[in-house]
């Protein structure tokens, strides 16, 4: 493939971009989406815009994960895996009240689907094991 054709192909895929000041540079799709949203003003009315991030006074170490968790908590934003974990625990409590084996089997299937989704999205240290019907049959 000629160099010119390659440049055109990469431009179509939003990978290779040209800037008049800096020349050619690479840009992924997510960066392109964020830049487009910035230009359209999607971030103009965000709560706290222009205000500095407040770090804990007594913690002088830089821990981005801790800071992210704090910001998420302050803004009532839960990662999807935390929501799934709560749903799994609710379903486990609910299935304990069932007496019909069919209902228990269906709920165990639902729990195990959620456990799979949970394990794919959570940190390895908090993964859950799947449940069996026998655990809930009395």
N, C-alpha and C. Protein backbone atom coordinates (compact mmCIF):
# COMPACT_ATOMS: atom_id res chain seq x y z
N UNK A 1 0.85 -1.17 0.00
CA UNK A 1 0.00 0.00 0.00
C UNK A 1 0.90 1.24 0.00
N UNK A 2 0.58 2.18 -0.83
CA UNK A 2 1.38 3.40 -0.89
C UNK A 2 1.18 4.23 0.37
N UNK A 3 2.18 5.05 0.66
CA UNK A 3 2.13 5.86 1.87
C UNK A 3 0.92 6.79 1.88
N UNK A 4 0.60 7.36 0.76
CA UNK A 4 -0.55 8.26 0.64
C UNK A 4 -1.86 7.53 0.92
N UNK A 5 -1.99 6.31 0.37
CA UNK A 5 -3.20 5.52 0.58
C UNK A 5 -3.34 5.12 2.05
N UNK A 6 -2.21 4.78 2.67
CA UNK A 6 -2.21 4.41 4.08
C UNK A 6 -2.67 5.58 4.94
N UNK A 7 -2.17 6.78 4.66
CA UNK A 7 -2.58 7.97 5.41
C UNK A 7 -4.09 8.20 5.29
N UNK A 8 -4.63 8.05 4.08
CA UNK A 8 -6.07 8.25 3.87
C UNK A 8 -6.88 7.20 4.63
N UNK A 9 -6.40 5.94 4.59
CA UNK A 9 -7.11 4.87 5.30
C UNK A 9 -7.10 5.10 6.81
N UNK A 10 -5.96 5.51 7.35
CA UNK A 10 -5.88 5.77 8.78
C UNK A 10 -6.72 6.98 9.17
N UNK A 11 -6.80 7.97 8.30
CA UNK A 11 -7.64 9.13 8.59
C UNK A 11 -9.11 8.74 8.66
N UNK A 12 -9.54 7.83 7.79
CA UNK A 12 -10.92 7.36 7.81
C UNK A 12 -11.25 6.69 9.14
N UNK A 13 -10.28 6.00 9.69
CA UNK A 13 -10.48 5.28 10.95
C UNK A 13 -10.21 6.16 12.16
N UNK A 14 -9.97 7.44 11.95
CA UNK A 14 -9.70 8.40 13.02
C UNK A 14 -8.49 7.98 13.86
N UNK A 15 -7.50 7.38 13.22
CA UNK A 15 -6.30 7.00 13.95
C UNK A 15 -5.19 8.01 13.70
N UNK A 16 -5.00 8.37 12.43
CA UNK A 16 -3.96 9.31 12.07
C UNK A 16 -4.61 10.65 11.76
N UNK A 17 -4.28 11.65 12.53
CA UNK A 17 -4.89 12.97 12.38
C UNK A 17 -3.81 13.98 12.01
N UNK A 18 -4.21 15.06 11.37
CA UNK A 18 -3.24 16.09 11.00
C UNK A 18 -3.63 17.39 11.68
N UNK A 19 -2.66 17.98 12.34
CA UNK A 19 -2.83 19.26 12.99
C UNK A 19 -1.90 20.25 12.31
N UNK A 20 -2.39 21.44 12.01
CA UNK A 20 -1.57 22.41 11.29
C UNK A 20 -0.34 22.81 12.09
N UNK A 21 -0.45 22.85 13.41
CA UNK A 21 0.67 23.29 14.24
C UNK A 21 1.69 22.18 14.48
N UNK A 22 1.20 20.98 14.83
CA UNK A 22 2.11 19.92 15.25
C UNK A 22 2.38 18.88 14.17
N UNK A 23 1.63 18.85 13.11
CA UNK A 23 1.80 17.85 12.06
C UNK A 23 0.92 16.64 12.33
N UNK A 24 1.39 15.45 11.93
CA UNK A 24 0.62 14.23 12.09
C UNK A 24 0.72 13.69 13.52
N UNK A 25 -0.39 13.17 14.03
CA UNK A 25 -0.39 12.52 15.34
C UNK A 25 -1.46 11.44 15.35
N UNK A 26 -1.34 10.51 16.27
CA UNK A 26 -2.28 9.40 16.38
C UNK A 26 -3.34 9.71 17.44
N UNK A 27 -4.56 9.30 17.15
CA UNK A 27 -5.66 9.54 18.08
C UNK A 27 -6.59 8.34 18.04
N UNK A 28 -6.94 7.81 19.21
CA UNK A 28 -7.86 6.68 19.24
C UNK A 28 -9.31 7.17 19.20
N UNK A 29 -10.23 6.23 19.09
CA UNK A 29 -11.64 6.59 18.95
C UNK A 29 -12.20 7.27 20.19
N UNK A 30 -11.82 6.80 21.37
CA UNK A 30 -12.34 7.40 22.60
C UNK A 30 -11.89 8.85 22.74
N UNK A 31 -10.62 9.12 22.42
CA UNK A 31 -10.12 10.49 22.48
C UNK A 31 -10.88 11.36 21.50
N UNK A 32 -11.16 10.84 20.32
CA UNK A 32 -11.91 11.59 19.32
C UNK A 32 -13.32 11.91 19.83
N UNK A 33 -13.95 10.95 20.49
CA UNK A 33 -15.30 11.16 21.02
C UNK A 33 -15.29 12.24 22.11
N UNK A 34 -14.31 12.17 23.00
CA UNK A 34 -14.21 13.16 24.09
C UNK A 34 -13.95 14.55 23.51
N UNK A 35 -13.04 14.65 22.55
CA UNK A 35 -12.74 15.95 21.95
C UNK A 35 -13.97 16.54 21.25
N UNK A 36 -14.71 15.67 20.55
CA UNK A 36 -15.92 16.12 19.86
C UNK A 36 -16.95 16.61 20.89
N UNK A 37 -17.09 15.89 22.00
CA UNK A 37 -18.03 16.30 23.04
C UNK A 37 -17.61 17.62 23.67
N UNK A 38 -16.30 17.82 23.87
CA UNK A 38 -15.81 19.09 24.41
C UNK A 38 -16.17 20.25 23.49
N UNK A 39 -15.95 20.05 22.18
CA UNK A 39 -16.25 21.10 21.20
C UNK A 39 -17.73 21.43 21.18
N UNK A 40 -18.58 20.40 21.39
CA UNK A 40 -20.03 20.60 21.38
C UNK A 40 -20.56 21.13 22.71
N UNK A 41 -19.69 21.27 23.71
CA UNK A 41 -20.09 21.84 24.99
C UNK A 41 -20.72 20.87 25.97
N UNK A 42 -20.49 19.58 25.78
CA UNK A 42 -21.10 18.58 26.66
C UNK A 42 -20.59 18.67 28.10
N UNK A 43 -19.41 19.26 28.30
CA UNK A 43 -18.83 19.33 29.63
C UNK A 43 -18.93 20.72 30.25
N UNK A 44 -19.64 21.62 29.60
CA UNK A 44 -19.69 23.02 30.06
C UNK A 44 -20.44 23.22 31.37
N UNK A 45 -21.47 22.44 31.63
CA UNK A 45 -22.32 22.66 32.81
C UNK A 45 -22.15 21.60 33.88
N UNK A 46 -20.96 21.04 33.99
CA UNK A 46 -20.74 20.01 35.00
C UNK A 46 -20.62 20.63 36.39
N UNK A 47 -21.16 19.92 37.36
CA UNK A 47 -21.07 20.36 38.75
C UNK A 47 -19.61 20.38 39.18
N UNK A 48 -19.17 21.48 39.74
CA UNK A 48 -17.80 21.57 40.22
C UNK A 48 -16.78 21.97 39.16
N UNK A 49 -17.25 22.31 37.96
CA UNK A 49 -16.33 22.70 36.90
C UNK A 49 -15.55 23.95 37.33
N UNK A 50 -14.25 23.90 37.13
CA UNK A 50 -13.41 25.03 37.46
C UNK A 50 -12.96 25.07 38.91
N UNK A 51 -13.50 24.16 39.73
CA UNK A 51 -13.10 24.11 41.13
C UNK A 51 -12.00 23.07 41.30
N UNK A 52 -11.05 23.32 42.17
CA UNK A 52 -9.96 22.35 42.35
C UNK A 52 -10.44 21.10 43.06
N UNK A 53 -9.75 19.99 42.78
CA UNK A 53 -10.03 18.76 43.51
C UNK A 53 -9.48 18.92 44.93
N UNK A 54 -10.24 18.48 45.91
CA UNK A 54 -9.82 18.61 47.30
C UNK A 54 -9.22 17.28 47.74
N UNK A 55 -7.94 17.32 48.12
CA UNK A 55 -7.28 16.14 48.63
C UNK A 55 -7.34 16.16 50.15
N UNK A 56 -7.29 14.99 50.74
CA UNK A 56 -7.30 14.89 52.19
C UNK A 56 -6.05 15.59 52.74
N UNK A 57 -6.22 16.43 53.75
CA UNK A 57 -5.11 17.20 54.30
C UNK A 57 -4.03 16.31 54.92
N UNK A 58 -4.45 15.25 55.58
CA UNK A 58 -3.49 14.42 56.28
C UNK A 58 -2.83 13.37 55.39
N UNK A 59 -3.30 13.22 54.16
CA UNK A 59 -2.74 12.22 53.25
C UNK A 59 -1.96 12.93 52.15
N UNK A 60 -0.65 12.95 52.28
CA UNK A 60 0.19 13.64 51.31
C UNK A 60 0.67 12.72 50.20
N UNK A 61 0.31 11.44 50.25
CA UNK A 61 0.72 10.52 49.20
C UNK A 61 -0.26 10.62 48.03
N UNK A 62 0.25 10.38 46.85
CA UNK A 62 -0.61 10.41 45.67
C UNK A 62 -1.10 9.01 45.40
N UNK A 63 -2.38 8.80 45.58
CA UNK A 63 -2.99 7.50 45.35
C UNK A 63 -4.21 7.72 44.45
N UNK A 64 -4.04 7.60 43.12
CA UNK A 64 -5.15 7.89 42.21
C UNK A 64 -6.37 7.00 42.43
N UNK A 65 -6.15 5.74 42.80
CA UNK A 65 -7.29 4.84 43.02
C UNK A 65 -8.12 5.30 44.22
N UNK A 66 -7.44 5.69 45.29
CA UNK A 66 -8.14 6.17 46.48
C UNK A 66 -8.90 7.46 46.16
N UNK A 67 -8.25 8.35 45.42
CA UNK A 67 -8.90 9.62 45.06
C UNK A 67 -10.12 9.37 44.17
N UNK A 68 -9.99 8.45 43.21
CA UNK A 68 -11.12 8.11 42.34
C UNK A 68 -12.28 7.56 43.16
N UNK A 69 -11.99 6.63 44.07
CA UNK A 69 -13.05 6.06 44.91
C UNK A 69 -13.74 7.13 45.74
N UNK A 70 -12.97 8.07 46.26
CA UNK A 70 -13.53 9.16 47.07
C UNK A 70 -14.45 10.04 46.23
N UNK A 71 -14.01 10.39 45.02
CA UNK A 71 -14.81 11.23 44.14
C UNK A 71 -16.10 10.51 43.74
N UNK A 72 -15.99 9.22 43.40
CA UNK A 72 -17.17 8.44 43.05
C UNK A 72 -18.16 8.39 44.21
N UNK A 73 -17.65 8.18 45.41
CA UNK A 73 -18.51 8.09 46.60
C UNK A 73 -19.20 9.43 46.87
N UNK A 74 -18.45 10.53 46.77
CA UNK A 74 -19.03 11.85 47.03
C UNK A 74 -20.12 12.20 46.03
N UNK A 75 -20.04 11.68 44.82
CA UNK A 75 -21.01 11.99 43.78
C UNK A 75 -22.04 10.89 43.60
N UNK A 76 -22.09 9.96 44.55
CA UNK A 76 -23.07 8.85 44.53
C UNK A 76 -23.03 8.06 43.24
N UNK A 77 -21.82 7.76 42.77
CA UNK A 77 -21.65 6.97 41.56
C UNK A 77 -21.04 5.64 41.98
N UNK A 78 -21.74 4.56 41.65
CA UNK A 78 -21.24 3.23 41.98
C UNK A 78 -20.76 2.54 40.70
N UNK A 79 -19.61 1.89 40.75
CA UNK A 79 -19.21 1.06 39.61
C UNK A 79 -20.24 -0.04 39.40
N UNK A 80 -20.38 -0.50 38.18
CA UNK A 80 -21.39 -1.51 37.86
C UNK A 80 -21.20 -2.78 38.68
N UNK A 81 -19.95 -3.17 38.95
CA UNK A 81 -19.74 -4.41 39.69
C UNK A 81 -20.21 -4.29 41.14
N UNK A 82 -20.20 -3.09 41.70
CA UNK A 82 -20.71 -2.91 43.07
C UNK A 82 -22.23 -3.09 43.07
N UNK A 83 -22.88 -2.51 42.06
CA UNK A 83 -24.34 -2.69 41.93
C UNK A 83 -24.69 -4.17 41.75
N UNK A 84 -23.92 -4.85 40.88
CA UNK A 84 -24.17 -6.28 40.67
C UNK A 84 -23.99 -7.07 41.96
N UNK A 85 -22.98 -6.72 42.74
CA UNK A 85 -22.74 -7.41 44.01
C UNK A 85 -23.93 -7.27 44.95
N UNK A 86 -24.51 -6.08 45.00
CA UNK A 86 -25.68 -5.86 45.85
C UNK A 86 -26.87 -6.67 45.34
N UNK A 87 -27.06 -6.71 44.01
CA UNK A 87 -28.16 -7.48 43.43
C UNK A 87 -27.98 -8.97 43.73
N UNK A 88 -26.75 -9.47 43.64
CA UNK A 88 -26.47 -10.88 43.93
C UNK A 88 -26.83 -11.21 45.37
N UNK A 89 -26.43 -10.36 46.30
CA UNK A 89 -26.73 -10.60 47.71
C UNK A 89 -28.24 -10.55 47.97
N UNK A 90 -28.95 -9.64 47.32
CA UNK A 90 -30.41 -9.57 47.47
C UNK A 90 -31.06 -10.84 46.96
N UNK A 91 -30.60 -11.31 45.79
CA UNK A 91 -31.17 -12.54 45.23
C UNK A 91 -30.88 -13.74 46.12
N UNK A 92 -29.71 -13.79 46.73
CA UNK A 92 -29.38 -14.90 47.64
C UNK A 92 -30.31 -14.91 48.85
N UNK A 93 -30.61 -13.74 49.38
CA UNK A 93 -31.54 -13.66 50.51
C UNK A 93 -32.96 -14.04 50.06
N UNK A 94 -33.33 -13.59 48.87
CA UNK A 94 -34.67 -13.87 48.34
C UNK A 94 -34.87 -15.37 48.11
N UNK A 95 -33.85 -16.04 47.54
CA UNK A 95 -34.00 -17.46 47.21
C UNK A 95 -34.13 -18.32 48.47
N UNK A 96 -33.64 -17.84 49.58
CA UNK A 96 -33.77 -18.59 50.84
C UNK A 96 -35.23 -18.71 51.29
N UNK A 97 -36.08 -17.81 50.81
CA UNK A 97 -37.49 -17.83 51.22
C UNK A 97 -38.34 -18.73 50.32
N UNK A 98 -37.78 -19.20 49.20
CA UNK A 98 -38.56 -20.02 48.27
C UNK A 98 -38.70 -21.44 48.76
N UNK A 99 -39.84 -22.05 48.43
CA UNK A 99 -40.08 -23.44 48.80
C UNK A 99 -40.24 -24.32 47.56
N UNK A 100 -40.54 -23.72 46.41
CA UNK A 100 -40.74 -24.48 45.18
C UNK A 100 -39.39 -24.63 44.47
N UNK A 101 -39.03 -25.88 44.16
CA UNK A 101 -37.71 -26.15 43.57
C UNK A 101 -37.51 -25.43 42.24
N UNK A 102 -38.56 -25.32 41.45
CA UNK A 102 -38.46 -24.63 40.15
C UNK A 102 -38.03 -23.17 40.35
N UNK A 103 -38.64 -22.49 41.30
CA UNK A 103 -38.28 -21.09 41.57
C UNK A 103 -36.84 -20.96 42.06
N UNK A 104 -36.42 -21.92 42.87
CA UNK A 104 -35.04 -21.92 43.37
C UNK A 104 -34.07 -22.08 42.20
N UNK A 105 -34.35 -23.04 41.30
CA UNK A 105 -33.47 -23.27 40.15
C UNK A 105 -33.37 -22.03 39.27
N UNK A 106 -34.51 -21.40 38.99
CA UNK A 106 -34.52 -20.20 38.13
C UNK A 106 -33.72 -19.06 38.78
N UNK A 107 -33.87 -18.89 40.06
CA UNK A 107 -33.16 -17.81 40.75
C UNK A 107 -31.68 -18.10 40.83
N UNK A 108 -31.31 -19.36 41.04
CA UNK A 108 -29.88 -19.74 41.06
C UNK A 108 -29.26 -19.46 39.69
N UNK A 109 -29.98 -19.75 38.62
CA UNK A 109 -29.48 -19.44 37.27
C UNK A 109 -29.25 -17.93 37.13
N UNK A 110 -30.20 -17.16 37.61
CA UNK A 110 -30.10 -15.70 37.54
C UNK A 110 -28.90 -15.20 38.35
N UNK A 111 -28.74 -15.77 39.55
CA UNK A 111 -27.60 -15.39 40.40
C UNK A 111 -26.28 -15.69 39.69
N UNK A 112 -26.18 -16.88 39.11
CA UNK A 112 -24.93 -17.29 38.47
C UNK A 112 -24.60 -16.44 37.24
N UNK A 113 -25.62 -15.99 36.51
CA UNK A 113 -25.38 -15.08 35.39
C UNK A 113 -24.81 -13.75 35.91
N UNK A 114 -25.37 -13.27 36.99
CA UNK A 114 -24.89 -12.02 37.58
C UNK A 114 -23.49 -12.19 38.16
N UNK A 115 -23.20 -13.36 38.73
CA UNK A 115 -21.87 -13.63 39.27
C UNK A 115 -20.83 -13.61 38.14
N UNK A 116 -21.18 -14.18 36.99
CA UNK A 116 -20.27 -14.16 35.85
C UNK A 116 -19.99 -12.73 35.42
N UNK A 117 -21.03 -11.92 35.28
CA UNK A 117 -20.86 -10.51 34.89
C UNK A 117 -20.05 -9.76 35.95
N UNK A 118 -20.33 -10.05 37.21
CA UNK A 118 -19.62 -9.42 38.33
C UNK A 118 -18.13 -9.74 38.25
N UNK A 119 -17.79 -11.02 38.09
CA UNK A 119 -16.40 -11.45 38.08
C UNK A 119 -15.62 -10.90 36.89
N UNK A 120 -16.31 -10.64 35.79
CA UNK A 120 -15.64 -10.07 34.62
C UNK A 120 -15.34 -8.58 34.78
N UNK A 121 -16.01 -7.94 35.72
CA UNK A 121 -15.84 -6.48 35.83
C UNK A 121 -15.23 -6.01 37.14
N UNK A 122 -15.07 -6.89 38.11
CA UNK A 122 -14.56 -6.46 39.42
C UNK A 122 -13.07 -6.78 39.56
N UNK A 123 -12.42 -6.20 40.57
CA UNK A 123 -11.03 -6.58 40.86
C UNK A 123 -10.96 -8.05 41.26
N UNK A 124 -9.86 -8.72 40.93
CA UNK A 124 -9.75 -10.15 41.24
C UNK A 124 -9.93 -10.49 42.72
N UNK A 125 -9.56 -9.60 43.60
CA UNK A 125 -9.62 -9.90 45.03
C UNK A 125 -11.04 -9.98 45.58
N UNK A 126 -12.04 -9.50 44.86
CA UNK A 126 -13.41 -9.52 45.37
C UNK A 126 -14.35 -10.41 44.55
N UNK A 127 -13.78 -11.24 43.69
CA UNK A 127 -14.62 -12.10 42.87
C UNK A 127 -15.44 -13.06 43.72
N UNK A 128 -16.60 -13.45 43.20
CA UNK A 128 -17.52 -14.33 43.91
C UNK A 128 -17.55 -15.70 43.22
N UNK A 129 -17.96 -16.72 43.97
CA UNK A 129 -18.13 -18.04 43.38
C UNK A 129 -19.60 -18.24 43.04
N UNK A 130 -19.84 -19.08 42.06
CA UNK A 130 -21.21 -19.38 41.67
C UNK A 130 -21.87 -20.23 42.76
N UNK A 131 -23.18 -20.22 42.79
CA UNK A 131 -23.94 -20.99 43.78
C UNK A 131 -24.56 -22.21 43.11
N UNK A 132 -24.95 -23.15 43.93
CA UNK A 132 -25.62 -24.35 43.42
C UNK A 132 -27.02 -24.44 44.01
N UNK A 133 -27.87 -25.19 43.34
CA UNK A 133 -29.24 -25.36 43.81
C UNK A 133 -29.26 -26.05 45.16
N UNK A 134 -28.33 -26.98 45.35
CA UNK A 134 -28.29 -27.74 46.59
C UNK A 134 -28.08 -26.86 47.82
N UNK A 135 -27.41 -25.74 47.63
CA UNK A 135 -27.17 -24.84 48.77
C UNK A 135 -28.49 -24.27 49.32
N UNK A 136 -29.51 -24.22 48.49
CA UNK A 136 -30.76 -23.58 48.91
C UNK A 136 -31.92 -24.56 49.08
N UNK A 137 -31.72 -25.81 48.69
CA UNK A 137 -32.77 -26.81 48.90
C UNK A 137 -32.75 -27.25 50.36
N UNK A 138 -33.93 -27.41 50.93
CA UNK A 138 -34.01 -27.79 52.35
C UNK A 138 -34.68 -29.12 52.52
